[in-house]
Protein backbone atom coordinates (compact mmCIF):
# COMPACT_ATOMS: atom_id res chain seq x y z
CA MET A 1 126.80 125.57 106.04
CA LEU A 2 129.74 123.16 106.12
CA VAL A 3 132.24 123.88 103.37
CA LEU A 4 134.66 121.18 102.32
CA THR A 5 137.41 121.04 99.77
CA ARG A 6 137.77 118.03 97.49
CA ARG A 7 139.80 117.15 94.45
CA VAL A 8 138.78 114.98 91.44
CA ASN A 9 137.98 111.35 92.60
CA GLU A 10 137.68 112.41 96.20
CA SER A 11 134.44 111.90 98.08
CA ILE A 12 132.29 113.15 100.94
CA VAL A 13 130.18 110.64 102.91
CA ILE A 14 126.81 111.73 104.42
CA GLY A 15 125.49 109.38 107.08
CA GLN A 16 126.07 105.82 106.17
CA ASP A 17 124.27 105.67 102.91
CA ILE A 18 125.19 108.68 100.77
CA THR A 19 128.52 109.30 98.99
CA ILE A 20 129.21 112.35 96.84
CA THR A 21 132.30 112.12 94.55
CA VAL A 22 133.91 114.87 92.48
CA LEU A 23 134.14 113.38 89.02
CA GLU A 24 135.46 116.16 86.88
CA LEU A 25 136.26 119.89 86.81
CA ARG A 26 135.48 121.79 83.56
CA GLY A 27 136.09 125.53 83.72
CA ASP A 28 133.54 126.90 86.22
CA GLN A 29 131.56 123.58 86.35
CA VAL A 30 132.00 120.71 88.81
CA ARG A 31 130.68 117.34 87.80
CA ILE A 32 129.70 115.16 90.76
CA GLY A 33 128.38 111.70 91.26
CA ILE A 34 125.97 110.74 93.98
CA GLN A 35 125.49 107.28 95.44
CA ALA A 36 122.33 107.05 97.49
CA PRO A 37 119.61 104.52 98.24
CA ARG A 38 116.65 104.60 95.87
CA SER A 39 114.55 105.80 98.75
CA VAL A 40 116.44 109.11 98.92
CA SER A 41 115.29 111.70 96.38
CA VAL A 42 118.15 113.56 94.73
CA HIS A 43 117.31 116.64 92.55
CA ARG A 44 119.14 119.70 91.24
CA GLU A 45 117.94 122.70 93.14
CA GLU A 46 115.98 124.24 90.29
CA VAL A 47 114.21 120.97 89.64
CA PHE A 48 113.35 120.56 93.35
CA ALA A 49 111.94 124.16 93.35
CA GLU A 50 109.72 123.39 90.40
CA ILE A 51 108.48 120.11 91.95
CA SER A 52 107.68 122.03 95.20
CA ARG A 53 105.88 124.78 93.25
CA GLN A 54 103.72 122.27 91.34
CA ASN A 55 102.94 120.34 94.57
CA LYS A 56 101.80 123.60 96.21
CA MET A 57 99.60 124.42 93.23
CA ALA A 58 98.10 120.89 93.27
CA ALA A 59 97.35 121.23 96.99
CA ASN A 60 95.46 124.53 96.40
CA VAL A 61 92.40 122.88 94.87
CA SER A 62 89.19 124.51 95.91
CA THR A 63 86.23 122.51 97.33
CA ASP A 64 84.23 123.71 94.33
CA ASP A 65 86.80 122.16 91.95
CA LEU A 66 86.61 118.88 93.92
CA ALA A 67 82.85 118.89 93.82
CA ARG A 68 82.90 119.42 90.00
CA LEU A 69 85.35 116.55 89.62
CA ALA A 70 83.21 114.23 91.78
CA ARG A 71 80.16 115.02 89.61
CA ARG A 72 82.06 114.20 86.44
CA ARG A 73 83.36 110.91 87.64
CA ARG A 74 81.49 108.00 86.10
CA PRO A 75 80.71 104.93 88.20
CA ALA A 76 82.69 101.76 87.43
CA GLU A 77 80.94 99.25 85.11
């Protein structure tokens, strides 16, 4: 892990498209701003973990469940 020290209003550049700026220090919290292309997903770690967990659950659909869903689907009118 690369560890860098920055002060308020100082930035870190990742690649050519991503800039992370320290906006504010409040006690033990650091407020940061992230500039990145819309094609780059940016999430807090706990949110990313939840998204990953839900994606894994969704991928664990059994073939029986898929067959039941296929039988319930109505043809287009």
